[in-house]
Amino acid sequence: MSGVDGFRSAFRRWRADRPFWGGLSLALGGAWILLTMKASLKVVLHVGMQGLAGYLLPALMVVLGLLVLFNPAQRLFYSITGILITLGTWLTSNLGGFFVGLLLGAVGSCLAFGWLPDQEPRRSRRQRRKEAATAP
């Protein structure tokens, strides 16, 4: 059991040092759009440019999501590029994967952009008042 606990604590430490949910959401949004491009439904919409752009933009979303996870130092560039590419999928890839992939990519890019490394945990107003009352 200690191997699983060791892996879990190591994963938590790794996840805390990067914008994990932003990168994961951006990558999942790109994967969702790629899946909807291959859907064999009769209702699949093909809006805008077809061909390479319809597959290239969601693939770039997946790559950018993974880059955010594994290279968090460059997260600002990756997240800005990610939101621009995500907005481009609205025209090239079935309305951004029927808006699901578009929303996942946009939220993930915003989470990655807003993530701040080495930030002190927020204290509640009650804790700050208590500390102020006990201070000399």
Protein backbone atom coordinates (compact mmCIF):
# COMPACT_ATOMS: atom_id res chain seq x y z
CA MET A 1 0.00 0.00 0.00
CA SER A 2 2.92 2.38 0.62
CA GLY A 3 3.81 2.34 -3.10
CA VAL A 4 0.38 3.68 -4.01
CA ASP A 5 0.54 6.31 -1.26
CA GLY A 6 4.02 7.34 -2.37
CA PHE A 7 2.87 7.68 -5.97
CA ARG A 8 -0.20 9.65 -4.90
CA SER A 9 1.82 12.11 -2.80
CA ALA A 10 4.42 12.49 -5.58
CA PHE A 11 1.64 13.18 -8.09
CA ARG A 12 0.10 15.77 -5.76
CA ARG A 13 3.45 17.56 -5.42
CA TRP A 14 3.94 17.47 -9.21
CA ARG A 15 0.40 18.74 -9.81
CA ALA A 16 0.82 21.60 -7.31
CA ASP A 17 3.79 23.02 -9.24
CA ARG A 18 1.91 23.63 -12.48
CA PRO A 19 -1.47 24.79 -13.86
CA PHE A 20 -2.73 21.21 -13.93
CA TRP A 21 -6.47 21.76 -14.45
CA GLY A 22 -5.89 24.39 -17.13
CA GLY A 23 -3.55 22.21 -19.17
CA LEU A 24 -5.76 19.16 -18.75
CA SER A 25 -8.88 21.06 -19.79
CA LEU A 26 -7.16 22.53 -22.86
CA ALA A 27 -5.90 19.09 -23.93
CA LEU A 28 -9.29 17.47 -23.34
CA GLY A 29 -11.00 20.21 -25.36
CA GLY A 30 -8.71 19.50 -28.31
CA ALA A 31 -9.27 15.76 -27.97
CA TRP A 32 -13.04 16.27 -27.86
CA ILE A 33 -12.95 18.35 -31.05
CA LEU A 34 -10.83 15.71 -32.78
CA LEU A 35 -13.36 13.04 -31.76
CA THR A 36 -16.29 15.04 -33.11
CA MET A 37 -14.46 15.50 -36.39
CA LYS A 38 -14.40 11.72 -36.77
CA ALA A 39 -18.00 11.22 -35.66
CA SER A 40 -20.04 9.14 -38.06
CA LEU A 41 -23.26 11.00 -37.35
CA LYS A 42 -25.46 12.44 -40.05
CA VAL A 43 -25.80 15.66 -38.02
CA VAL A 44 -22.12 16.52 -38.10
CA LEU A 45 -21.81 20.08 -39.30
CA HIS A 46 -18.98 21.09 -41.56
CA VAL A 47 -18.82 24.84 -41.18
CA GLY A 48 -16.03 26.87 -42.70
CA MET A 49 -12.75 25.59 -44.02
CA GLN A 50 -12.36 21.86 -44.31
CA GLY A 51 -9.30 19.73 -44.58
CA LEU A 52 -6.06 20.33 -42.75
CA ALA A 53 -7.18 23.25 -40.54
CA GLY A 54 -10.05 21.22 -39.11
CA TYR A 55 -7.59 18.63 -37.77
CA LEU A 56 -4.57 20.85 -37.19
CA LEU A 57 -6.13 23.30 -34.73
CA PRO A 58 -7.51 20.70 -32.29
CA ALA A 59 -4.24 18.77 -32.50
CA LEU A 60 -2.41 21.97 -31.59
CA MET A 61 -4.79 22.41 -28.65
CA VAL A 62 -3.80 18.98 -27.35
CA VAL A 63 -0.10 19.78 -27.80
CA LEU A 64 -0.47 23.16 -26.06
CA GLY A 65 -2.34 21.55 -23.17
CA LEU A 66 0.48 19.05 -22.72
CA LEU A 67 3.08 21.81 -22.98
CA VAL A 68 1.29 23.75 -20.24
CA LEU A 69 1.48 20.64 -18.06
CA PHE A 70 5.11 19.76 -18.74
CA ASN A 71 6.62 23.24 -19.23
CA PRO A 72 4.73 25.59 -16.89
CA ALA A 73 7.39 28.32 -17.14
CA GLN A 74 6.04 29.25 -20.59
CA ARG A 75 2.36 29.01 -19.60
CA LEU A 76 1.53 32.60 -20.62
CA PHE A 77 2.57 32.06 -24.24
CA TYR A 78 0.89 28.65 -24.40
CA SER A 79 -2.35 29.89 -22.88
CA ILE A 80 -2.64 32.93 -25.15
CA THR A 81 -1.89 30.76 -28.19
CA GLY A 82 -4.34 28.19 -26.85
CA ILE A 83 -7.24 30.62 -26.58
CA LEU A 84 -6.61 31.96 -30.10
CA ILE A 85 -6.49 28.45 -31.55
CA THR A 86 -9.54 27.44 -29.52
CA LEU A 87 -11.52 30.35 -30.93
CA GLY A 88 -10.35 29.36 -34.41
CA THR A 89 -11.90 25.90 -34.02
CA TRP A 90 -15.32 27.52 -33.95
CA LEU A 91 -14.97 28.10 -37.68
CA THR A 92 -12.96 25.06 -38.70
CA SER A 93 -14.10 22.12 -36.58
CA ASN A 94 -17.85 21.55 -36.19
CA LEU A 95 -18.47 24.72 -34.21
CA GLY A 96 -15.65 23.87 -31.83
CA GLY A 97 -16.81 20.32 -31.20
CA PHE A 98 -20.43 21.38 -30.76
CA PHE A 99 -19.28 24.07 -28.27
CA VAL A 100 -18.08 21.47 -25.72
CA GLY A 101 -14.47 21.45 -26.91
CA LEU A 102 -14.61 25.19 -27.43
CA LEU A 103 -15.68 25.76 -23.81
CA LEU A 104 -13.16 23.27 -22.42
CA GLY A 105 -10.35 24.90 -24.37
CA ALA A 106 -11.35 28.44 -23.41
CA VAL A 107 -11.70 27.59 -19.71
CA GLY A 108 -8.43 25.67 -19.74
CA SER A 109 -6.56 28.53 -21.40
CA CYS A 110 -7.96 31.02 -18.91
CA LEU A 111 -7.06 28.78 -15.96
CA ALA A 112 -3.52 28.36 -17.26
CA PHE A 113 -3.17 32.10 -17.83
CA GLY A 114 -4.42 32.99 -14.37
CA TRP A 115 -2.32 30.45 -12.47
CA LEU A 116 0.33 32.02 -10.23
CA PRO A 117 3.28 29.97 -9.02
CA ASP A 118 4.49 30.27 -5.43
CA GLN A 119 1.42 32.11 -4.24
CA GLU A 120 0.61 32.10 -0.56
CA PRO A 121 -2.64 30.32 0.29
CA ARG A 122 -5.52 32.71 0.85
CA ARG A 123 -6.63 33.31 4.39
CA SER A 124 -10.23 33.90 5.24
CA ARG A 125 -11.44 37.21 6.63
CA ARG A 126 -12.15 35.49 9.94
CA GLN A 127 -8.51 34.31 10.19
CA ARG A 128 -7.17 37.77 9.40
CA ARG A 129 -9.43 39.37 12.04
CA LYS A 130 -8.37 36.79 14.61
CA GLU A 131 -4.68 37.43 13.86
CA ALA A 132 -5.21 41.19 14.04
CA ALA A 133 -6.99 40.87 17.39
CA THR A 134 -4.20 38.77 18.92
CA ALA A 135 -1.40 40.97 17.57
CA PRO A 136 0.09 43.43 20.11
